[in-house]
Amino acid sequence: MFHFSFEPARGILRVEVVGAWTMAEVERYAQEAGVQFSTARKAAGRLRLLVDLSATAILSQSIIEPLAKAGMQYSRPDDRVTIVVASTLLKLQMKRMVGDAPVPIFVSTQEAAEWLVRPEETQS
């Protein structure tokens, strides 16, 4: 299951995932993500997305591919996205999923949120 929430003070859209993704959840995410991303862009001027996977399970390949496609269909070049994970295995899996995209992966939601709002010239 997943849940979107928007933090207006810092302009961060969070999606928190709990448990394991199913194809039905991926399809629901694909439908809701476009609306949520657009609303966050309007409110903050750009998308700052924190995907919190710290309470989710390892994903099957049959879920990873459509999930990556679902998120990427709404992405724009000026988006800033980060992922939070709780395990090394999930971190490796997410690195494989995002490929060359500039999406840092953290184990702390606080560090991820700080990275999202840090000025671009100081990001590393």
C-alpha atoms as a PDB file:
ATOM      1  CA  MET A   1       0.000   0.000   0.000  1.00  0.00           C
ATOM      2  CA  PHE A   2       1.187   3.553  -0.640  1.00  0.00           C
ATOM      3  CA  HIS A   3       0.185   6.999   0.504  1.00  0.00           C
ATOM      4  CA  PHE A   4       1.028  10.453  -0.910  1.00  0.00           C
ATOM      5  CA  SER A   5       1.445  13.473   1.364  1.00  0.00           C
ATOM      6  CA  PHE A   6       2.627  16.990   0.576  1.00  0.00           C
ATOM      7  CA  GLU A   7       4.763  19.093   2.901  1.00  0.00           C
ATOM      8  CA  PRO A   8       4.025  22.678   1.809  1.00  0.00           C
ATOM      9  CA  ALA A   9       6.708  24.368   3.949  1.00  0.00           C
ATOM     10  CA  ARG A  10       9.498  22.629   2.020  1.00  0.00           C
ATOM     11  CA  GLY A  11       7.565  21.738  -1.120  1.00  0.00           C
ATOM     12  CA  ILE A  12       8.213  18.009  -0.758  1.00  0.00           C
ATOM     13  CA  LEU A  13       5.816  15.377  -2.040  1.00  0.00           C
ATOM     14  CA  ARG A  14       6.266  12.112  -0.167  1.00  0.00           C
ATOM     15  CA  VAL A  15       5.070   8.712  -1.180  1.00  0.00           C
ATOM     16  CA  GLU A  16       5.310   6.195   1.631  1.00  0.00           C
ATOM     17  CA  VAL A  17       5.118   2.528   0.714  1.00  0.00           C
ATOM     18  CA  VAL A  18       4.262  -0.172   3.254  1.00  0.00           C
ATOM     19  CA  GLY A  19       4.391  -3.881   2.520  1.00  0.00           C
ATOM     20  CA  ALA A  20       4.792  -5.423  -0.903  1.00  0.00           C
ATOM     21  CA  TRP A  21       3.700  -3.894  -4.201  1.00  0.00           C
ATOM     22  CA  THR A  22       1.137  -5.795  -6.240  1.00  0.00           C
ATOM     23  CA  MET A  23       0.264  -5.144  -9.877  1.00  0.00           C
ATOM     24  CA  ALA A  24      -2.992  -3.575  -8.691  1.00  0.00           C
ATOM     25  CA  GLU A  25      -0.976  -1.146  -6.512  1.00  0.00           C
ATOM     26  CA  VAL A  26       1.360  -0.337  -9.421  1.00  0.00           C
ATOM     27  CA  GLU A  27      -1.655   0.448 -11.609  1.00  0.00           C
ATOM     28  CA  ARG A  28      -3.200   2.621  -8.894  1.00  0.00           C
ATOM     29  CA  TYR A  29       0.160   4.392  -8.429  1.00  0.00           C
ATOM     30  CA  ALA A  30       0.364   5.048 -12.185  1.00  0.00           C
ATOM     31  CA  GLN A  31      -3.060   6.705 -12.040  1.00  0.00           C
ATOM     32  CA  GLU A  32      -2.480   8.755  -8.885  1.00  0.00           C
ATOM     33  CA  ALA A  33       1.126   9.798  -9.520  1.00  0.00           C
ATOM     34  CA  GLY A  34       0.283  12.086 -12.437  1.00  0.00           C
ATOM     35  CA  VAL A  35      -2.281  14.027 -10.398  1.00  0.00           C
ATOM     36  CA  GLN A  36      -0.064  14.175  -7.293  1.00  0.00           C
ATOM     37  CA  PHE A  37       3.046  15.246  -9.250  1.00  0.00           C
ATOM     38  CA  SER A  38       1.114  17.973 -11.076  1.00  0.00           C
ATOM     39  CA  THR A  39      -0.442  19.304  -7.860  1.00  0.00           C
ATOM     40  CA  ALA A  40       2.961  19.394  -6.117  1.00  0.00           C
ATOM     41  CA  ARG A  41       4.567  21.199  -9.088  1.00  0.00           C
ATOM     42  CA  LYS A  42       1.850  23.847  -9.016  1.00  0.00           C
ATOM     43  CA  ALA A  43       2.231  24.369  -5.264  1.00  0.00           C
ATOM     44  CA  ALA A  44       6.047  24.363  -5.105  1.00  0.00           C
ATOM     45  CA  GLY A  45       7.091  25.413  -8.594  1.00  0.00           C
ATOM     46  CA  ARG A  46       8.857  22.099  -9.231  1.00  0.00           C
ATOM     47  CA  LEU A  47       8.621  18.494  -8.137  1.00  0.00           C
ATOM     48  CA  ARG A  48      10.625  17.407  -5.106  1.00  0.00           C
ATOM     49  CA  LEU A  49       9.677  13.769  -4.595  1.00  0.00           C
ATOM     50  CA  LEU A  50      10.740  11.595  -1.669  1.00  0.00           C
ATOM     51  CA  VAL A  51       9.912   7.927  -2.215  1.00  0.00           C
ATOM     52  CA  ASP A  52      10.024   6.209   1.171  1.00  0.00           C
ATOM     53  CA  LEU A  53      10.485   2.464   0.734  1.00  0.00           C
ATOM     54  CA  SER A  54      11.852   1.906   4.243  1.00  0.00           C
ATOM     55  CA  ALA A  55       8.811  -0.192   5.227  1.00  0.00           C
ATOM     56  CA  THR A  56       8.500  -2.221   2.044  1.00  0.00           C
ATOM     57  CA  ALA A  57       9.694  -5.604   0.897  1.00  0.00           C
ATOM     58  CA  ILE A  58      12.112  -6.517  -1.861  1.00  0.00           C
ATOM     59  CA  LEU A  59      10.343  -6.116  -5.195  1.00  0.00           C
ATOM     60  CA  SER A  60       9.999  -8.760  -7.867  1.00  0.00           C
ATOM     61  CA  GLN A  61      11.261  -8.009 -11.376  1.00  0.00           C
ATOM     62  CA  SER A  62       7.675  -8.274 -12.631  1.00  0.00           C
ATOM     63  CA  ILE A  63       6.810  -5.322 -10.354  1.00  0.00           C
ATOM     64  CA  ILE A  64       9.987  -3.242 -10.832  1.00  0.00           C
ATOM     65  CA  GLU A  65       9.628  -2.734 -14.575  1.00  0.00           C
ATOM     66  CA  PRO A  66       6.027  -1.431 -14.619  1.00  0.00           C
ATOM     67  CA  LEU A  67       6.659   0.571 -11.437  1.00  0.00           C
ATOM     68  CA  ALA A  68       9.650   2.352 -12.997  1.00  0.00           C
ATOM     69  CA  LYS A  69       7.587   3.057 -16.111  1.00  0.00           C
ATOM     70  CA  ALA A  70       4.687   4.365 -14.019  1.00  0.00           C
ATOM     71  CA  GLY A  71       6.882   6.912 -12.261  1.00  0.00           C
ATOM     72  CA  MET A  72       8.967   7.924 -15.263  1.00  0.00           C
ATOM     73  CA  GLN A  73       5.985   8.730 -17.477  1.00  0.00           C
ATOM     74  CA  TYR A  74       5.350  11.879 -15.438  1.00  0.00           C
ATOM     75  CA  SER A  75       8.956  12.951 -14.849  1.00  0.00           C
ATOM     76  CA  ARG A  76      10.487  16.188 -16.073  1.00  0.00           C
ATOM     77  CA  PRO A  77      14.143  17.194 -16.384  1.00  0.00           C
ATOM     78  CA  ASP A  78      13.985  19.677 -13.480  1.00  0.00           C
ATOM     79  CA  ASP A  79      12.431  17.197 -11.034  1.00  0.00           C
ATOM     80  CA  ARG A  80      14.394  16.293  -7.940  1.00  0.00           C
ATOM     81  CA  VAL A  81      13.714  12.763  -6.709  1.00  0.00           C
ATOM     82  CA  THR A  82      15.234  10.656  -3.963  1.00  0.00           C
ATOM     83  CA  ILE A  83      14.542   7.214  -2.545  1.00  0.00           C
ATOM     84  CA  VAL A  84      14.788   5.980   1.056  1.00  0.00           C
ATOM     85  CA  VAL A  85      15.394   2.291   1.747  1.00  0.00           C
ATOM     86  CA  ALA A  86      16.040   0.179   4.835  1.00  0.00           C
ATOM     87  CA  SER A  87      18.287  -2.531   3.399  1.00  0.00           C
ATOM     88  CA  THR A  88      21.355  -2.888   1.219  1.00  0.00           C
ATOM     89  CA  LEU A  89      19.545  -5.386  -0.992  1.00  0.00           C
ATOM     90  CA  LEU A  90      16.686  -2.969  -1.685  1.00  0.00           C
ATOM     91  CA  LYS A  91      19.222  -0.189  -2.312  1.00  0.00           C
ATOM     92  CA  LEU A  92      20.933  -2.323  -4.952  1.00  0.00           C
ATOM     93  CA  GLN A  93      17.570  -3.155  -6.480  1.00  0.00           C
ATOM     94  CA  MET A  94      16.589   0.522  -6.655  1.00  0.00           C
ATOM     95  CA  LYS A  95      19.952   1.436  -8.222  1.00  0.00           C
ATOM     96  CA  ARG A  96      19.268  -1.125 -10.925  1.00  0.00           C
ATOM     97  CA  MET A  97      15.751   0.253 -11.399  1.00  0.00           C
ATOM     98  CA  VAL A  98      16.742   3.936 -11.733  1.00  0.00           C
ATOM     99  CA  GLY A  99      19.790   3.210 -13.895  1.00  0.00           C
ATOM    100  CA  ASP A 100      21.656   6.390 -14.809  1.00  0.00           C
ATOM    101  CA  ALA A 101      18.944   8.721 -13.514  1.00  0.00           C
ATOM    102  CA  PRO A 102      20.263  11.176 -10.900  1.00  0.00           C
ATOM    103  CA  VAL A 103      18.261   9.694  -8.038  1.00  0.00           C
ATOM    104  CA  PRO A 104      20.242   9.385  -4.794  1.00  0.00           C
ATOM    105  CA  ILE A 105      19.277   6.610  -2.407  1.00  0.00           C
ATOM    106  CA  PHE A 106      19.372   7.205   1.348  1.00  0.00           C
ATOM    107  CA  VAL A 107      18.678   5.180   4.486  1.00  0.00           C
ATOM    108  CA  SER A 108      17.369   8.254   6.335  1.00  0.00           C
ATOM    109  CA  THR A 109      14.228  10.197   5.409  1.00  0.00           C
ATOM    110  CA  GLN A 110      15.693  13.273   7.099  1.00  0.00           C
ATOM    111  CA  GLU A 111      18.848  13.170   4.951  1.00  0.00           C
ATOM    112  CA  ALA A 112      16.758  12.586   1.829  1.00  0.00           C
ATOM    113  CA  ALA A 113      14.503  15.563   2.611  1.00  0.00           C
ATOM    114  CA  GLU A 114      17.517  17.777   3.310  1.00  0.00           C
ATOM    115  CA  TRP A 115      19.023  16.781  -0.044  1.00  0.00           C
ATOM    116  CA  LEU A 116      15.777  17.648  -1.837  1.00  0.00           C
ATOM    117  CA  VAL A 117      15.735  21.230  -0.550  1.00  0.00           C
ATOM    118  CA  ARG A 118      19.480  21.869  -0.718  1.00  0.00           C
ATOM    119  CA  PRO A 119      20.466  24.340  -3.456  1.00  0.00           C
ATOM    120  CA  GLU A 120      21.525  22.455  -6.574  1.00  0.00           C
ATOM    121  CA  GLU A 121      25.045  23.891  -6.663  1.00  0.00           C
ATOM    122  CA  THR A 122      25.805  22.317  -3.257  1.00  0.00           C
ATOM    123  CA  GLN A 123      24.409  18.868  -4.048  1.00  0.00           C
ATOM    124  CA  SER A 124      26.710  15.914  -4.387  1.00  0.00           C
END
